[in-house]
Full PDB file with SEQRES, HELIX, SHEET, SSBOND, CRYST1, ORIGX, SCALE, CONECT and MASTER records, all heavy atoms in Angstrom:
SEQRES   1 A   29  HIS ALA TYR VAL ALA ILE ALA GLU PRO SER VAL ARG ALA          
SEQRES   2 A   29  ALA CYS GLU ALA LYS GLY ILE ASP PRO GLY GLY PRO LEU          
SEQRES   3 A   29  ALA GLY GLU                                                  
HELIX    1 AA1 ALA A    2  ALA A    5  1                                   4    
HELIX    2 AA2 ALA A    7  ALA A   17  1                                  11    
HELIX    3 AA3 PRO A   25  GLY A   28  5                                   4    
CRYST1    1.000    1.000    1.000  90.00  90.00  90.00 P 1           1          
ORIGX1      1.000000  0.000000  0.000000        0.00000                         
ORIGX2      0.000000  1.000000  0.000000        0.00000                         
ORIGX3      0.000000  0.000000  1.000000        0.00000                         
SCALE1      1.000000  0.000000  0.000000        0.00000                         
SCALE2      0.000000  1.000000  0.000000        0.00000                         
SCALE3      0.000000  0.000000  1.000000        0.00000                         
ATOM      1  N   HIS A   1      24.130 -11.133 -20.692  1.00  0.00           N  
ATOM      2  CA  HIS A   1      24.549 -11.306 -22.119  1.00  0.00           C  
ATOM      3  C   HIS A   1      23.366 -10.741 -23.040  1.00  0.00           C  
ATOM      4  O   HIS A   1      23.649 -10.130 -23.988  1.00  0.00           O  
ATOM      5  CB  HIS A   1      24.702 -12.786 -22.443  1.00  0.00           C  
ATOM      6  CG  HIS A   1      25.945 -13.356 -21.816  1.00  0.00           C  
ATOM      7  ND1 HIS A   1      27.242 -12.967 -22.107  1.00  0.00           N  
ATOM      8  CD2 HIS A   1      25.985 -14.274 -20.743  1.00  0.00           C  
ATOM      9  CE1 HIS A   1      28.099 -13.603 -21.386  1.00  0.00           C  
ATOM     10  NE2 HIS A   1      27.434 -14.417 -20.617  1.00  0.00           N  
ATOM     11  N   ALA A   2      22.156 -10.929 -22.657  1.00  0.00           N  
ATOM     12  CA  ALA A   2      21.030 -10.395 -23.428  1.00  0.00           C  
ATOM     13  C   ALA A   2      21.010  -8.919 -23.436  1.00  0.00           C  
ATOM     14  O   ALA A   2      20.681  -8.249 -24.467  1.00  0.00           O  
ATOM     15  CB  ALA A   2      19.722 -11.029 -22.951  1.00  0.00           C  
ATOM     16  N   TYR A   3      21.334  -8.309 -22.305  1.00  0.00           N  
ATOM     17  CA  TYR A   3      21.347  -6.790 -22.344  1.00  0.00           C  
ATOM     18  C   TYR A   3      22.451  -6.226 -23.151  1.00  0.00           C  
ATOM     19  O   TYR A   3      22.273  -5.269 -23.778  1.00  0.00           O  
ATOM     20  CB  TYR A   3      21.437  -6.298 -20.751  1.00  0.00           C  
ATOM     21  CG  TYR A   3      20.705  -4.994 -20.722  1.00  0.00           C  
ATOM     22  CD1 TYR A   3      19.393  -4.930 -20.196  1.00  0.00           C  
ATOM     23  CD2 TYR A   3      21.179  -3.774 -21.086  1.00  0.00           C  
ATOM     24  CE1 TYR A   3      18.662  -3.754 -20.113  1.00  0.00           C  
ATOM     25  CE2 TYR A   3      20.533  -2.584 -20.920  1.00  0.00           C  
ATOM     26  CZ  TYR A   3      19.215  -2.592 -20.503  1.00  0.00           C  
ATOM     27  OH  TYR A   3      18.576  -1.424 -20.442  1.00  0.00           O  
ATOM     28  N   VAL A   4      23.591  -6.879 -23.130  1.00  0.00           N  
ATOM     29  CA  VAL A   4      24.640  -6.460 -23.979  1.00  0.00           C  
ATOM     30  C   VAL A   4      24.242  -6.467 -25.480  1.00  0.00           C  
ATOM     31  O   VAL A   4      24.530  -5.572 -26.206  1.00  0.00           O  
ATOM     32  CB  VAL A   4      25.930  -7.327 -23.834  1.00  0.00           C  
ATOM     33  CG1 VAL A   4      26.946  -6.996 -24.901  1.00  0.00           C  
ATOM     34  CG2 VAL A   4      26.521  -7.027 -22.491  1.00  0.00           C  
ATOM     35  N   ALA A   5      23.377  -7.423 -25.862  1.00  0.00           N  
ATOM     36  CA  ALA A   5      22.913  -7.577 -27.208  1.00  0.00           C  
ATOM     37  C   ALA A   5      22.039  -6.460 -27.651  1.00  0.00           C  
ATOM     38  O   ALA A   5      21.963  -6.041 -28.812  1.00  0.00           O  
ATOM     39  CB  ALA A   5      22.232  -8.941 -27.363  1.00  0.00           C  
ATOM     40  N   ILE A   6      21.270  -5.825 -26.727  1.00  0.00           N  
ATOM     41  CA  ILE A   6      20.331  -4.766 -27.139  1.00  0.00           C  
ATOM     42  C   ILE A   6      21.012  -3.386 -26.759  1.00  0.00           C  
ATOM     43  O   ILE A   6      20.363  -2.349 -26.986  1.00  0.00           O  
ATOM     44  CB  ILE A   6      19.069  -4.864 -26.324  1.00  0.00           C  
ATOM     45  CG1 ILE A   6      19.176  -4.765 -24.848  1.00  0.00           C  
ATOM     46  CG2 ILE A   6      18.312  -6.160 -26.826  1.00  0.00           C  
ATOM     47  CD1 ILE A   6      18.748  -3.503 -24.229  1.00  0.00           C  
ATOM     48  N   ALA A   7      22.275  -3.377 -26.332  1.00  0.00           N  
ATOM     49  CA  ALA A   7      22.907  -2.167 -25.927  1.00  0.00           C  
ATOM     50  C   ALA A   7      22.973  -1.149 -27.095  1.00  0.00           C  
ATOM     51  O   ALA A   7      22.417   0.042 -27.026  1.00  0.00           O  
ATOM     52  CB  ALA A   7      24.270  -2.370 -25.407  1.00  0.00           C  
ATOM     53  N   GLU A   8      23.562  -1.591 -28.217  1.00  0.00           N  
ATOM     54  CA  GLU A   8      23.703  -0.619 -29.397  1.00  0.00           C  
ATOM     55  C   GLU A   8      22.330  -0.076 -29.887  1.00  0.00           C  
ATOM     56  O   GLU A   8      22.137   1.122 -29.990  1.00  0.00           O  
ATOM     57  CB  GLU A   8      24.426  -1.328 -30.435  1.00  0.00           C  
ATOM     58  CG  GLU A   8      24.715  -0.468 -31.740  1.00  0.00           C  
ATOM     59  CD  GLU A   8      25.947   0.297 -31.662  1.00  0.00           C  
ATOM     60  OE1 GLU A   8      26.957  -0.285 -31.231  1.00  0.00           O  
ATOM     61  OE2 GLU A   8      25.976   1.448 -32.031  1.00  0.00           O  
ATOM     62  N   PRO A   9      21.329  -0.926 -30.230  1.00  0.00           N  
ATOM     63  CA  PRO A   9      20.176  -0.367 -30.814  1.00  0.00           C  
ATOM     64  C   PRO A   9      19.363   0.477 -29.709  1.00  0.00           C  
ATOM     65  O   PRO A   9      18.718   1.510 -30.074  1.00  0.00           O  
ATOM     66  CB  PRO A   9      19.310  -1.656 -31.189  1.00  0.00           C  
ATOM     67  CG  PRO A   9      19.933  -2.765 -30.458  1.00  0.00           C  
ATOM     68  CD  PRO A   9      21.443  -2.366 -30.326  1.00  0.00           C  
ATOM     69  N   SER A  10      19.401   0.103 -28.470  1.00  0.00           N  
ATOM     70  CA  SER A  10      18.668   0.939 -27.422  1.00  0.00           C  
ATOM     71  C   SER A  10      19.337   2.272 -27.264  1.00  0.00           C  
ATOM     72  O   SER A  10      18.644   3.294 -27.084  1.00  0.00           O  
ATOM     73  CB  SER A  10      18.630   0.106 -26.097  1.00  0.00           C  
ATOM     74  OG  SER A  10      19.861   0.055 -25.490  1.00  0.00           O  
ATOM     75  N   VAL A  11      20.664   2.392 -27.298  1.00  0.00           N  
ATOM     76  CA  VAL A  11      21.331   3.618 -27.284  1.00  0.00           C  
ATOM     77  C   VAL A  11      20.994   4.485 -28.519  1.00  0.00           C  
ATOM     78  O   VAL A  11      20.801   5.693 -28.302  1.00  0.00           O  
ATOM     79  CB  VAL A  11      22.906   3.413 -27.136  1.00  0.00           C  
ATOM     80  CG1 VAL A  11      23.609   4.746 -27.386  1.00  0.00           C  
ATOM     81  CG2 VAL A  11      23.154   2.832 -25.752  1.00  0.00           C  
ATOM     82  N   ARG A  12      20.933   3.911 -29.715  1.00  0.00           N  
ATOM     83  CA  ARG A  12      20.745   4.624 -30.847  1.00  0.00           C  
ATOM     84  C   ARG A  12      19.220   5.295 -30.784  1.00  0.00           C  
ATOM     85  O   ARG A  12      18.982   6.371 -31.085  1.00  0.00           O  
ATOM     86  CB  ARG A  12      20.716   3.756 -32.039  1.00  0.00           C  
ATOM     87  CG  ARG A  12      22.187   3.385 -32.510  1.00  0.00           C  
ATOM     88  CD  ARG A  12      22.188   2.692 -33.772  1.00  0.00           C  
ATOM     89  NE  ARG A  12      22.013   3.628 -34.916  1.00  0.00           N  
ATOM     90  CZ  ARG A  12      22.931   4.378 -35.473  1.00  0.00           C  
ATOM     91  NH1 ARG A  12      24.257   4.235 -35.060  1.00  0.00           N  
ATOM     92  NH2 ARG A  12      22.778   5.217 -36.437  1.00  0.00           N  
ATOM     93  N   ALA A  13      18.297   4.393 -30.170  1.00  0.00           N  
ATOM     94  CA  ALA A  13      16.955   4.963 -29.992  1.00  0.00           C  
ATOM     95  C   ALA A  13      16.836   6.133 -29.011  1.00  0.00           C  
ATOM     96  O   ALA A  13      16.167   7.097 -29.193  1.00  0.00           O  
ATOM     97  CB  ALA A  13      16.068   3.722 -29.552  1.00  0.00           C  
ATOM     98  N   ALA A  14      17.603   5.995 -27.979  1.00  0.00           N  
ATOM     99  CA  ALA A  14      17.748   7.018 -26.945  1.00  0.00           C  
ATOM    100  C   ALA A  14      18.340   8.382 -27.557  1.00  0.00           C  
ATOM    101  O   ALA A  14      17.767   9.427 -27.300  1.00  0.00           O  
ATOM    102  CB  ALA A  14      18.493   6.676 -25.674  1.00  0.00           C  
ATOM    103  N   CYS A  15      19.369   8.204 -28.250  1.00  0.00           N  
ATOM    104  CA  CYS A  15      20.056   9.381 -28.971  1.00  0.00           C  
ATOM    105  C   CYS A  15      19.037  10.066 -29.875  1.00  0.00           C  
ATOM    106  O   CYS A  15      18.969  11.304 -29.886  1.00  0.00           O  
ATOM    107  CB  CYS A  15      21.238   8.885 -29.708  1.00  0.00           C  
ATOM    108  SG  CYS A  15      22.630   8.473 -28.629  1.00  0.00           S  
ATOM    109  N   GLU A  16      18.222   9.340 -30.637  1.00  0.00           N  
ATOM    110  CA  GLU A  16      17.322   9.865 -31.572  1.00  0.00           C  
ATOM    111  C   GLU A  16      16.215  10.678 -30.764  1.00  0.00           C  
ATOM    112  O   GLU A  16      15.886  11.797 -31.155  1.00  0.00           O  
ATOM    113  CB  GLU A  16      16.706   8.832 -32.410  1.00  0.00           C  
ATOM    114  CG  GLU A  16      15.646   9.317 -33.397  1.00  0.00           C  
ATOM    115  CD  GLU A  16      15.097   8.321 -34.300  1.00  0.00           C  
ATOM    116  OE1 GLU A  16      15.641   7.241 -34.357  1.00  0.00           O  
ATOM    117  OE2 GLU A  16      14.049   8.656 -35.005  1.00  0.00           O  
ATOM    118  N   ALA A  17      15.774  10.108 -29.668  1.00  0.00           N  
ATOM    119  CA  ALA A  17      14.689  10.655 -28.881  1.00  0.00           C  
ATOM    120  C   ALA A  17      15.138  11.971 -28.218  1.00  0.00           C  
ATOM    121  O   ALA A  17      14.398  12.897 -27.992  1.00  0.00           O  
ATOM    122  CB  ALA A  17      14.222   9.686 -27.841  1.00  0.00           C  
ATOM    123  N   LYS A  18      16.464  12.066 -27.924  1.00  0.00           N  
ATOM    124  CA  LYS A  18      17.049  13.182 -27.161  1.00  0.00           C  
ATOM    125  C   LYS A  18      17.892  14.145 -28.056  1.00  0.00           C  
ATOM    126  O   LYS A  18      18.366  15.113 -27.523  1.00  0.00           O  
ATOM    127  CB  LYS A  18      17.899  12.672 -26.003  1.00  0.00           C  
ATOM    128  CG  LYS A  18      17.131  11.770 -24.966  1.00  0.00           C  
ATOM    129  CD  LYS A  18      18.024  11.281 -23.803  1.00  0.00           C  
ATOM    130  CE  LYS A  18      17.215  10.501 -22.845  1.00  0.00           C  
ATOM    131  NZ  LYS A  18      18.057  10.087 -21.658  1.00  0.00           N  
ATOM    132  N   GLY A  19      17.849  13.935 -29.366  1.00  0.00           N  
ATOM    133  CA  GLY A  19      18.465  14.854 -30.240  1.00  0.00           C  
ATOM    134  C   GLY A  19      19.949  14.816 -30.163  1.00  0.00           C  
ATOM    135  O   GLY A  19      20.670  15.890 -30.333  1.00  0.00           O  
ATOM    136  N   ILE A  20      20.548  13.586 -29.947  1.00  0.00           N  
ATOM    137  CA  ILE A  20      21.975  13.358 -29.836  1.00  0.00           C  
ATOM    138  C   ILE A  20      22.459  12.618 -31.089  1.00  0.00           C  
ATOM    139  O   ILE A  20      21.827  11.675 -31.532  1.00  0.00           O  
ATOM    140  CB  ILE A  20      22.354  12.531 -28.593  1.00  0.00           C  
ATOM    141  CG1 ILE A  20      21.896  13.353 -27.291  1.00  0.00           C  
ATOM    142  CG2 ILE A  20      23.808  12.189 -28.498  1.00  0.00           C  
ATOM    143  CD1 ILE A  20      21.960  12.421 -26.041  1.00  0.00           C  
ATOM    144  N   ASP A  21      23.623  13.011 -31.562  1.00  0.00           N  
ATOM    145  CA  ASP A  21      24.339  12.296 -32.732  1.00  0.00           C  
ATOM    146  C   ASP A  21      24.766  10.946 -32.135  1.00  0.00           C  
ATOM    147  O   ASP A  21      25.671  10.925 -31.284  1.00  0.00           O  
ATOM    148  CB  ASP A  21      25.433  13.069 -33.183  1.00  0.00           C  
ATOM    149  CG  ASP A  21      26.269  12.367 -34.297  1.00  0.00           C  
ATOM    150  OD1 ASP A  21      25.880  11.244 -34.698  1.00  0.00           O  
ATOM    151  OD2 ASP A  21      27.389  12.854 -34.681  1.00  0.00           O  
ATOM    152  N   PRO A  22      24.271   9.813 -32.633  1.00  0.00           N  
ATOM    153  CA  PRO A  22      24.601   8.553 -32.098  1.00  0.00           C  
ATOM    154  C   PRO A  22      26.048   8.125 -32.333  1.00  0.00           C  
ATOM    155  O   PRO A  22      26.636   7.283 -31.713  1.00  0.00           O  
ATOM    156  CB  PRO A  22      23.694   7.569 -32.757  1.00  0.00           C  
ATOM    157  CG  PRO A  22      23.232   8.237 -33.964  1.00  0.00           C  
ATOM    158  CD  PRO A  22      23.192   9.659 -33.659  1.00  0.00           C  
ATOM    159  N   GLY A  23      26.697   8.902 -33.329  1.00  0.00           N  
ATOM    160  CA  GLY A  23      28.134   8.585 -33.559  1.00  0.00           C  
ATOM    161  C   GLY A  23      29.089   9.631 -32.983  1.00  0.00           C  
ATOM    162  O   GLY A  23      30.281   9.481 -33.094  1.00  0.00           O  
ATOM    163  N   GLY A  24      28.483  10.536 -32.179  1.00  0.00           N  
ATOM    164  CA  GLY A  24      29.343  11.626 -31.588  1.00  0.00           C  
ATOM    165  C   GLY A  24      29.620  11.272 -30.104  1.00  0.00           C  
ATOM    166  O   GLY A  24      29.193  10.317 -29.428  1.00  0.00           O  
ATOM    167  N   PRO A  25      30.506  12.139 -29.464  1.00  0.00           N  
ATOM    168  CA  PRO A  25      30.922  11.884 -28.063  1.00  0.00           C  
ATOM    169  C   PRO A  25      29.808  11.920 -27.083  1.00  0.00           C  
ATOM    170  O   PRO A  25      29.750  11.119 -26.119  1.00  0.00           O  
ATOM    171  CB  PRO A  25      31.888  13.051 -27.822  1.00  0.00           C  
ATOM    172  CG  PRO A  25      32.348  13.500 -29.159  1.00  0.00           C  
ATOM    173  CD  PRO A  25      31.291  13.227 -30.021  1.00  0.00           C  
ATOM    174  N   LEU A  26      28.784  12.765 -27.328  1.00  0.00           N  
ATOM    175  CA  LEU A  26      27.647  12.805 -26.445  1.00  0.00           C  
ATOM    176  C   LEU A  26      26.838  11.579 -26.283  1.00  0.00           C  
ATOM    177  O   LEU A  26      26.167  11.357 -25.244  1.00  0.00           O  
ATOM    178  CB  LEU A  26      26.769  14.052 -26.831  1.00  0.00           C  
ATOM    179  CG  LEU A  26      26.058  14.829 -25.758  1.00  0.00           C  
ATOM    180  CD1 LEU A  26      27.104  15.373 -24.723  1.00  0.00           C  
ATOM    181  CD2 LEU A  26      25.297  15.954 -26.331  1.00  0.00           C  
ATOM    182  N   ALA A  27      26.971  10.696 -27.305  1.00  0.00           N  
ATOM    183  CA  ALA A  27      26.231   9.421 -27.151  1.00  0.00           C  
ATOM    184  C   ALA A  27      26.720   8.545 -25.979  1.00  0.00           C  
ATOM    185  O   ALA A  27      26.060   7.678 -25.444  1.00  0.00           O  
ATOM    186  CB  ALA A  27      26.406   8.630 -28.487  1.00  0.00           C  
ATOM    187  N   GLY A  28      27.950   8.924 -25.557  1.00  0.00           N  
ATOM    188  CA  GLY A  28      28.533   8.205 -24.358  1.00  0.00           C  
ATOM    189  C   GLY A  28      27.579   8.396 -23.141  1.00  0.00           C  
ATOM    190  O   GLY A  28      27.634   7.486 -22.258  1.00  0.00           O  
ATOM    191  N   GLU A  29      26.889   9.529 -23.033  1.00  0.00           N  
ATOM    192  CA  GLU A  29      25.949   9.681 -21.921  1.00  0.00           C  
ATOM    193  C   GLU A  29      24.990   8.498 -21.809  1.00  0.00           C  
ATOM    194  O   GLU A  29      24.692   7.936 -20.771  1.00  0.00           O  
ATOM    195  CB  GLU A  29      25.127  10.921 -22.077  1.00  0.00           C  
ATOM    196  CG  GLU A  29      25.769  12.200 -21.802  1.00  0.00           C  
ATOM    197  CD  GLU A  29      24.894  13.372 -21.746  1.00  0.00           C  
ATOM    198  OE1 GLU A  29      23.659  13.187 -22.096  1.00  0.00           O  
ATOM    199  OE2 GLU A  29      25.323  14.544 -21.523  1.00  0.00           O  
TER     200      GLU A  29                                                      
MASTER        0    0    0    3    0    0    0    6  199    1    0    3          
END                                                                             
């Protein structure tokens, strides 16, 4: 349950670090 709670912000941080649009399809990676 705790990991689900950090899923969204951790994905946004990863997208920023890797040059991915967090709202685009590639964020699915």
